[in-house]
Amino acid sequence: MKYNFDGRTFEIKRYPSTTNRSLQPWNAADELILEYISDLSDEHESIALINDRFGFLATTLFKLQPLSVVNYKSHQKAIERNYVSNSLVLKSRTIKTPLKSLPDTDIGVIKVPKSLEAFEFYLQILHRSLKDNGVIVCGFMTKYFTPQLLEISSKYFEEIEQSKAKKKARLLILKNRKEIEHQVVTIDIKFGDKVYKQYPGVFSSDHIDYATQFLLEHLTVKESEKNILDLASGNGVIADHILHQQPNAEVHLVDDSYLAVESSKMNVNESAHFHWNDSLESFKDETLDLVVSNPPFHFEYETNIEVTIGLFTQVQSCLKESGRFVLVANKHLNYKTHLDKLFKTCSITAENDKFEIYECLK
C-alpha cells in the first residue's frame, strides 16, 4: 500500500503477506503517532519505537533514524523488507531486542499491544532510557482502550494526557518520568511438579495454555524419534516434556517471539537448540523425525490462519519420510482440511469439547 508523507510516497507492505485485504500494514493509530511525532521532533532528537509491527513508523520516519525494539523476528523482517522496497539503508544498530539496554532517548513510541503485561514491560524499557525531559507516545484504537492503561502509566509518569480521538484512534502522552528502581521481572507458572518462568507478554501468562495441557496428556515420543522440533515453542513446556521422555533426543525450539525463546532457555535443558525465527528456513529438508506444535492462529487482535498454513507446508518439507507431525488446535479451525492436502495420512487421535489433536504422517 502507498502512503504519502513528508513529500515522499512510501510503499508499505505486510510481512508475512496476506490475501485478506481487510488486514492492512498500518491503521489510524499509526497515522496519529506519525502526525504527533512529525510536529514534535527535530532531526537531532533520538526516537525509539516499540511494537511498530510492520515497520510503518520506522520506514516513514527514516530521516530521524529511529531505533526499533523488536520482539518478533517477523517484525524485524518487515522493517528490513520495507526499507529495501523503498530504497532505504537500514543500519544494524537501529534494531534492538527487548532485553538489551537502549541509549538515552528523547521520544519513546509504543503501539499499544493487546497484552497489558507486554505494555507495562515495553513502558519499563522506554522509562529506563528516557531523558528527564523526554516524552512517551502510546497509540491505540479507541475500541481497545481500558482504564488499566492509565493505571499502569501512572506508576511511571506524573503527567498523563489523552489526545482527542481521530479516525477512532487516540494517543496517551506521558511526561515527567518518576524515579523508579527497575528490575527485569519474570512470571512464574506452576505446572505439574515444576515452576516455569517466562517474560511478560509471552503467550498464556497465568497458566500453561489448556490446549498445550491437552496435548501433553496425549503426547508419546517414540524411541526412534531422535531429531525433534517444538514449533511455536512459547516458554518451552512442550520441549521440556519431550526431553523428559527422550533425554537423548536432539530437540529444537522455534518461536517468532524473542521473549518466548529467551523464556524457554530458563525452562529447558541447555542441550536443546533455540531458534528465534518465524520460519523453518534454518532446517534442511527431510531432517526431522517429529514436529510437535500448538500453533498460533491469531496475532494481537487479528485472527488469520494463513501464516499457520504456511508453517504446515514448511513442516512437510522438513520431515523425513514417515516422519510425524503432531499438533493441537481449536476445533473450529478445521485444520484437517489443509493437512490432508499436505500429508500422506492425517488423523484425529484425541479430542475434547474444545480441542483436537492431529497426527500427520509424511
Protein backbone atom coordinates (compact mmCIF):
# COMPACT_ATOMS: atom_id res chain seq x y z
CA MET A 1 0.00 0.00 0.00
CA LYS A 2 1.17 3.51 -0.77
CA TYR A 3 1.41 6.23 1.86
CA ASN A 4 2.34 9.86 1.28
CA PHE A 5 4.36 11.61 3.96
CA ASP A 6 6.93 14.39 4.12
CA GLY A 7 6.90 14.92 0.35
CA ARG A 8 7.54 11.28 -0.45
CA THR A 9 5.44 8.27 -1.43
CA PHE A 10 6.22 5.12 0.55
CA GLU A 11 5.28 1.56 -0.37
CA ILE A 12 4.45 -0.26 2.88
CA LYS A 13 3.79 -3.99 2.86
CA ARG A 14 2.82 -6.51 5.49
CA TYR A 15 5.18 -9.33 6.34
CA PRO A 16 4.09 -12.05 6.38
CA SER A 17 1.86 -11.15 3.45
CA THR A 18 -1.85 -11.90 3.44
CA THR A 19 -4.62 -12.34 0.89
CA ASN A 20 -7.09 -10.77 3.32
CA ARG A 21 -7.50 -7.22 2.05
CA SER A 22 -9.09 -6.09 5.31
CA LEU A 23 -5.73 -6.59 7.05
CA GLN A 24 -3.62 -3.50 6.40
CA PRO A 25 0.04 -2.73 7.24
CA TRP A 26 -0.95 0.28 9.39
CA ASN A 27 -4.02 1.81 10.99
CA ALA A 28 -5.27 5.19 12.22
CA ALA A 29 -3.28 4.88 15.46
CA ASP A 30 -0.07 4.67 13.42
CA GLU A 31 -1.08 7.76 11.46
CA LEU A 32 -1.88 9.68 14.66
CA ILE A 33 1.51 8.77 16.13
CA LEU A 34 3.22 9.88 12.92
CA GLU A 35 1.38 13.20 12.94
CA TYR A 36 2.33 13.86 16.57
CA ILE A 37 5.97 12.86 16.13
CA SER A 38 6.44 14.94 12.98
CA ASP A 39 5.18 18.04 14.83
CA LEU A 40 7.22 17.30 17.95
CA SER A 41 10.61 16.13 16.81
CA ASP A 42 13.62 17.50 15.01
CA GLU A 43 16.48 15.65 13.37
CA HIS A 44 18.65 15.90 16.49
CA GLU A 45 16.26 14.04 18.78
CA SER A 46 16.59 10.32 19.40
CA ILE A 47 13.49 8.18 18.88
CA ALA A 48 12.80 4.60 19.99
CA LEU A 49 9.86 2.63 18.55
CA ILE A 50 8.28 -0.43 20.16
CA ASN A 51 5.68 -2.74 18.61
CA ASP A 52 5.79 -1.00 15.23
CA ARG A 53 4.69 -4.33 13.79
CA PHE A 54 5.14 -3.86 10.04
CA GLY A 55 7.70 -1.07 10.22
CA PHE A 56 5.30 1.67 9.10
CA LEU A 57 6.75 4.20 11.55
CA ALA A 58 10.36 3.05 11.13
CA THR A 59 10.03 3.50 7.37
CA THR A 60 8.16 6.81 7.21
CA LEU A 61 10.37 8.35 9.91
CA PHE A 62 13.61 7.07 8.35
CA LYS A 63 15.15 10.57 8.21
CA LEU A 64 15.14 10.65 12.01
CA GLN A 65 16.95 7.28 12.15
CA PRO A 66 14.63 5.80 14.79
CA LEU A 67 15.72 2.83 16.86
CA SER A 68 13.29 -0.11 16.65
CA VAL A 69 12.84 -2.52 19.55
CA VAL A 70 11.62 -5.79 18.05
CA ASN A 71 10.27 -8.80 19.90
CA TYR A 72 9.17 -10.70 16.78
CA LYS A 73 11.51 -11.91 14.08
CA SER A 74 8.68 -11.28 11.61
CA HIS A 75 8.67 -7.64 12.79
CA GLN A 76 12.39 -7.34 12.07
CA LYS A 77 11.92 -8.87 8.62
CA ALA A 78 9.02 -6.49 7.92
CA ILE A 79 11.22 -3.48 8.68
CA GLU A 80 14.07 -4.85 6.57
CA ARG A 81 11.79 -5.58 3.61
CA ASN A 82 10.09 -2.19 3.72
CA TYR A 83 13.45 -0.41 3.86
CA VAL A 84 14.64 -2.36 0.83
CA SER A 85 11.44 -1.79 -1.17
CA ASN A 86 11.73 1.96 -0.50
CA SER A 87 15.47 2.07 -1.35
CA LEU A 88 16.43 2.98 2.21
CA VAL A 89 19.53 1.91 4.13
CA LEU A 90 18.88 0.19 7.45
CA LYS A 91 21.79 0.47 9.86
CA SER A 92 22.36 -2.57 12.06
CA ARG A 93 22.38 -0.50 15.24
CA THR A 94 18.79 0.61 14.64
CA ILE A 95 17.38 -2.82 15.60
CA LYS A 96 17.34 -3.87 19.27
CA THR A 97 15.80 -6.80 21.13
CA PRO A 98 13.70 -6.14 24.27
CA LEU A 99 16.28 -7.31 26.83
CA LYS A 100 19.03 -5.01 25.53
CA SER A 101 19.61 -1.58 27.09
CA LEU A 102 18.68 1.42 24.94
CA PRO A 103 20.72 4.60 24.53
CA ASP A 104 19.36 7.83 26.01
CA THR A 105 16.04 8.57 24.34
CA ASP A 106 14.14 11.83 23.74
CA ILE A 107 10.95 10.32 22.34
CA GLY A 108 9.62 6.84 23.01
CA VAL A 109 6.78 5.38 20.96
CA ILE A 110 4.63 2.37 21.82
CA LYS A 111 1.97 0.94 19.56
CA VAL A 112 -0.12 -0.41 22.45
CA PRO A 113 -0.21 -4.24 22.40
CA LYS A 114 -3.18 -6.38 23.39
CA SER A 115 -1.35 -7.73 26.44
CA LEU A 116 -1.27 -5.27 29.34
CA GLU A 117 1.73 -7.13 30.74
CA ALA A 118 3.56 -6.50 27.48
CA PHE A 119 2.50 -2.84 27.55
CA GLU A 120 3.99 -2.37 31.02
CA PHE A 121 7.14 -4.25 30.04
CA TYR A 122 7.57 -2.01 26.97
CA LEU A 123 6.90 1.05 29.12
CA GLN A 124 9.64 -0.05 31.51
CA ILE A 125 12.11 -0.41 28.63
CA LEU A 126 11.50 3.17 27.48
CA HIS A 127 11.27 4.60 31.00
CA ARG A 128 14.77 3.33 31.78
CA SER A 129 16.31 5.09 28.77
CA LEU A 130 14.14 8.22 28.64
CA LYS A 131 15.79 11.56 29.28
CA ASP A 132 14.34 13.68 32.10
CA ASN A 133 12.54 15.96 29.65
CA GLY A 134 11.57 13.10 27.33
CA VAL A 135 8.10 12.03 26.27
CA ILE A 136 6.46 8.70 25.52
CA VAL A 137 3.68 8.48 22.94
CA CYS A 138 1.34 5.48 23.06
CA GLY A 139 -1.07 4.90 20.17
CA PHE A 140 -4.17 2.70 20.17
CA MET A 141 -7.60 2.29 18.62
CA THR A 142 -10.28 3.62 20.98
CA LYS A 143 -12.27 0.36 20.96
CA TYR A 144 -9.35 -1.32 22.73
CA PHE A 145 -8.98 1.31 25.45
CA THR A 146 -9.02 0.17 29.06
CA PRO A 147 -8.56 2.31 32.21
CA GLN A 148 -5.73 -0.04 33.15
CA LEU A 149 -3.56 1.72 30.56
CA LEU A 150 -3.84 4.85 32.70
CA GLU A 151 -3.21 2.93 35.93
CA ILE A 152 -0.06 1.35 34.53
CA SER A 153 1.21 4.62 33.05
CA SER A 154 0.71 6.44 36.37
CA LYS A 155 3.27 4.14 38.02
CA TYR A 156 5.99 5.62 35.82
CA PHE A 157 4.90 9.17 34.89
CA GLU A 158 3.48 12.22 36.65
CA GLU A 159 1.75 13.67 33.60
CA ILE A 160 -0.66 11.56 31.54
CA GLU A 161 -2.58 13.23 28.76
CA GLN A 162 -5.08 11.71 26.35
CA SER A 163 -5.40 13.17 22.88
CA LYS A 164 -8.68 13.75 21.13
CA ALA A 165 -9.90 10.80 19.10
CA LYS A 166 -9.22 10.91 15.37
CA LYS A 167 -10.44 8.20 12.99
CA LYS A 168 -11.29 6.16 16.10
CA ALA A 169 -7.67 6.31 17.32
CA ARG A 170 -6.16 8.08 20.29
CA LEU A 171 -2.83 8.77 21.96
CA LEU A 172 -1.57 8.67 25.52
CA ILE A 173 1.13 11.29 26.06
CA LEU A 174 3.37 10.52 29.05
CA LYS A 175 5.71 13.14 30.54
CA ASN A 176 7.66 13.91 33.72
CA ARG A 177 9.04 10.47 34.47
CA LYS A 178 9.05 9.22 38.05
CA GLU A 179 12.23 7.89 39.62
CA ILE A 180 11.81 4.12 39.92
CA GLU A 181 14.24 1.29 40.54
CA HIS A 182 13.99 -1.21 37.70
CA GLN A 183 14.50 -4.93 37.65
CA VAL A 184 13.62 -7.48 35.00
CA VAL A 185 10.58 -9.33 36.33
CA THR A 186 9.71 -12.83 35.19
CA ILE A 187 6.41 -14.63 35.72
CA ASP A 188 6.26 -18.00 37.49
CA ILE A 189 3.79 -20.64 36.27
CA LYS A 190 3.44 -23.87 38.21
CA PHE A 191 2.63 -26.92 36.11
CA GLY A 192 2.94 -30.43 37.46
CA ASP A 193 5.94 -30.57 39.76
CA LYS A 194 7.83 -27.76 38.03
CA VAL A 195 7.68 -23.97 38.01
CA TYR A 196 8.15 -22.48 34.53
CA LYS A 197 9.44 -18.94 34.09
CA GLN A 198 8.63 -16.52 31.33
CA TYR A 199 8.92 -12.86 30.46
CA PRO A 200 5.86 -10.57 30.34
CA GLY A 201 3.93 -10.73 27.09
CA VAL A 202 4.76 -14.36 26.32
CA PHE A 203 1.66 -16.37 25.43
CA SER A 204 -0.58 -17.54 28.31
CA SER A 205 0.99 -15.78 31.28
CA ASP A 206 -1.13 -17.05 34.17
CA HIS A 207 -1.22 -20.78 33.36
CA ILE A 208 0.00 -23.30 30.82
CA ASP A 209 -2.37 -22.94 27.88
CA TYR A 210 -5.21 -25.50 28.05
CA ALA A 211 -4.58 -26.72 24.51
CA THR A 212 -0.96 -27.40 25.42
CA GLN A 213 -2.04 -29.23 28.57
CA PHE A 214 -4.36 -31.43 26.49
CA LEU A 215 -1.56 -32.13 24.00
CA LEU A 216 0.88 -33.12 26.75
CA GLU A 217 -1.65 -35.54 28.25
CA HIS A 218 -1.63 -37.49 24.98
CA LEU A 219 1.92 -36.97 23.68
CA THR A 220 4.15 -40.03 23.46
CA VAL A 221 7.53 -39.67 21.80
CA LYS A 222 8.84 -42.80 20.09
CA GLU A 223 12.32 -44.04 20.92
CA SER A 224 13.18 -43.93 17.22
CA GLU A 225 12.39 -40.18 17.03
CA LYS A 226 15.78 -38.60 17.61
CA ASN A 227 15.57 -35.25 15.81
CA ILE A 228 12.58 -33.31 17.13
CA LEU A 229 11.18 -29.80 16.70
CA ASP A 230 8.89 -27.87 19.03
CA LEU A 231 7.32 -25.34 16.64
CA ALA A 232 5.91 -22.11 18.13
CA SER A 233 7.58 -23.21 21.34
CA GLY A 234 6.49 -20.44 23.74
CA ASN A 235 8.05 -20.89 27.18
CA GLY A 236 9.35 -24.34 26.22
CA VAL A 237 6.99 -26.54 28.23
CA ILE A 238 6.41 -28.94 25.30
CA ALA A 239 10.13 -29.30 24.57
CA ASP A 240 10.77 -29.86 28.27
CA HIS A 241 8.27 -32.74 28.34
CA ILE A 242 9.77 -34.21 25.17
CA LEU A 243 13.22 -34.25 26.77
CA HIS A 244 11.84 -35.94 29.87
CA GLN A 245 10.52 -38.75 27.64
CA GLN A 246 13.60 -38.94 25.40
CA PRO A 247 16.60 -37.33 27.17
CA ASN A 248 18.99 -38.22 24.35
CA ALA A 249 16.90 -36.67 21.57
CA GLU A 250 18.15 -33.64 19.67
CA VAL A 251 15.41 -31.11 20.39
CA HIS A 252 14.97 -27.79 18.61
CA LEU A 253 12.69 -24.94 19.65
CA VAL A 254 11.48 -22.28 17.20
CA ASP A 255 9.40 -19.21 18.03
CA ASP A 256 8.77 -15.85 16.37
CA SER A 257 8.91 -14.15 19.78
CA TYR A 258 12.34 -13.26 21.16
CA LEU A 259 10.95 -13.12 24.69
CA ALA A 260 9.44 -16.59 24.26
CA VAL A 261 12.77 -18.02 23.12
CA GLU A 262 14.61 -16.35 26.00
CA SER A 263 11.94 -17.66 28.39
CA SER A 264 12.37 -21.21 27.11
CA LYS A 265 16.10 -21.02 27.84
CA MET A 266 15.19 -20.73 31.53
CA ASN A 267 13.00 -23.84 31.41
CA VAL A 268 14.58 -26.33 29.01
CA ASN A 269 17.85 -28.24 29.32
CA GLU A 270 20.72 -26.36 27.70
CA SER A 271 21.34 -29.35 25.42
CA ALA A 272 18.37 -28.13 23.35
CA HIS A 273 18.78 -25.83 20.35
CA PHE A 274 16.95 -22.49 20.44
CA HIS A 275 15.96 -20.61 17.27
CA TRP A 276 14.45 -17.11 17.14
CA ASN A 277 12.65 -17.22 13.81
CA ASP A 278 9.22 -17.07 12.19
CA SER A 279 10.04 -19.84 9.70
CA LEU A 280 11.94 -23.11 9.32
CA GLU A 281 14.46 -21.65 6.88
CA SER A 282 17.39 -22.84 9.01
CA PHE A 283 16.31 -26.51 8.74
CA LYS A 284 17.21 -28.70 5.79
CA ASP A 285 14.60 -30.79 4.01
CA GLU A 286 13.87 -34.26 5.36
CA THR A 287 15.89 -33.93 8.57
CA LEU A 288 13.24 -34.11 11.32
CA ASP A 289 11.67 -37.25 12.79
CA LEU A 290 8.95 -35.44 14.74
CA VAL A 291 7.44 -31.96 14.85
CA VAL A 292 5.15 -31.05 17.76
CA SER A 293 3.18 -27.83 17.88
CA ASN A 294 0.43 -25.76 19.41
CA PRO A 295 0.49 -23.28 16.52
CA PRO A 296 -0.82 -19.71 16.81
CA PHE A 297 -3.88 -18.65 14.85
CA HIS A 298 -4.10 -15.02 15.93
CA PHE A 299 -1.75 -12.10 16.40
CA GLU A 300 -2.86 -9.33 18.72
CA TYR A 301 -6.46 -8.63 17.65
CA GLU A 302 -6.20 -10.34 14.24
CA THR A 303 -7.33 -13.88 13.55
CA ASN A 304 -5.65 -15.28 10.45
CA ILE A 305 -4.51 -18.86 9.79
CA GLU A 306 -2.55 -18.09 6.62
CA VAL A 307 0.76 -17.96 8.49
CA THR A 308 -0.06 -21.23 10.23
CA ILE A 309 -0.90 -22.98 6.96
CA GLY A 310 2.41 -21.74 5.56
CA LEU A 311 4.21 -23.32 8.52
CA PHE A 312 2.43 -26.62 7.84
CA THR A 313 3.92 -26.61 4.34
CA GLN A 314 7.40 -25.98 5.76
CA VAL A 315 6.94 -28.80 8.28
CA GLN A 316 6.06 -31.20 5.48
CA SER A 317 9.32 -30.33 3.70
CA CYS A 318 11.49 -30.70 6.80
CA LEU A 319 10.11 -34.07 7.93
CA LYS A 320 11.79 -37.30 6.91
CA GLU A 321 9.80 -39.92 5.01
CA SER A 322 7.31 -41.38 7.51
CA GLY A 323 8.08 -38.53 9.92
CA ARG A 324 5.31 -37.37 12.25
CA PHE A 325 3.65 -34.01 12.77
CA VAL A 326 1.62 -33.86 15.99
CA LEU A 327 -0.34 -30.71 16.75
CA VAL A 328 -3.21 -29.46 18.86
CA ALA A 329 -5.74 -26.89 17.70
CA ASN A 330 -9.14 -25.43 18.44
CA LYS A 331 -11.84 -27.48 16.76
CA HIS A 332 -13.41 -24.56 14.92
CA LEU A 333 -10.21 -24.01 12.88
CA ASN A 334 -10.78 -27.23 10.92
CA TYR A 335 -7.08 -27.71 10.13
CA LYS A 336 -7.65 -31.23 8.83
CA THR A 337 -8.87 -29.82 5.51
CA HIS A 338 -5.46 -28.21 4.99
CA LEU A 339 -3.36 -31.01 6.50
CA ASP A 340 -4.96 -33.67 4.28
CA LYS A 341 -3.57 -31.85 1.24
CA LEU A 342 -0.01 -31.94 2.58
CA PHE A 343 0.43 -35.29 4.31
CA LYS A 344 0.04 -38.94 3.36
CA THR A 345 -2.27 -39.53 6.30
CA CYS A 346 -3.82 -37.24 8.90
CA SER A 347 -5.98 -38.48 11.75
CA ILE A 348 -7.54 -37.03 14.88
CA THR A 349 -6.05 -39.04 17.74
CA ALA A 350 -7.77 -37.27 20.65
CA GLU A 351 -10.40 -34.60 21.17
CA ASN A 352 -12.50 -32.91 23.81
CA ASP A 353 -15.18 -30.23 23.68
CA LYS A 354 -12.73 -27.55 22.51
CA PHE A 355 -9.54 -29.10 21.11
CA GLU A 356 -8.37 -31.73 18.64
CA ILE A 357 -5.00 -33.45 18.38
CA TYR A 358 -3.86 -34.34 14.87
CA GLU A 359 -1.21 -36.87 13.91
CA CYS A 360 0.07 -36.46 10.36
CA LEU A 361 2.49 -38.80 8.59
CA LYS A 362 4.61 -37.79 5.63
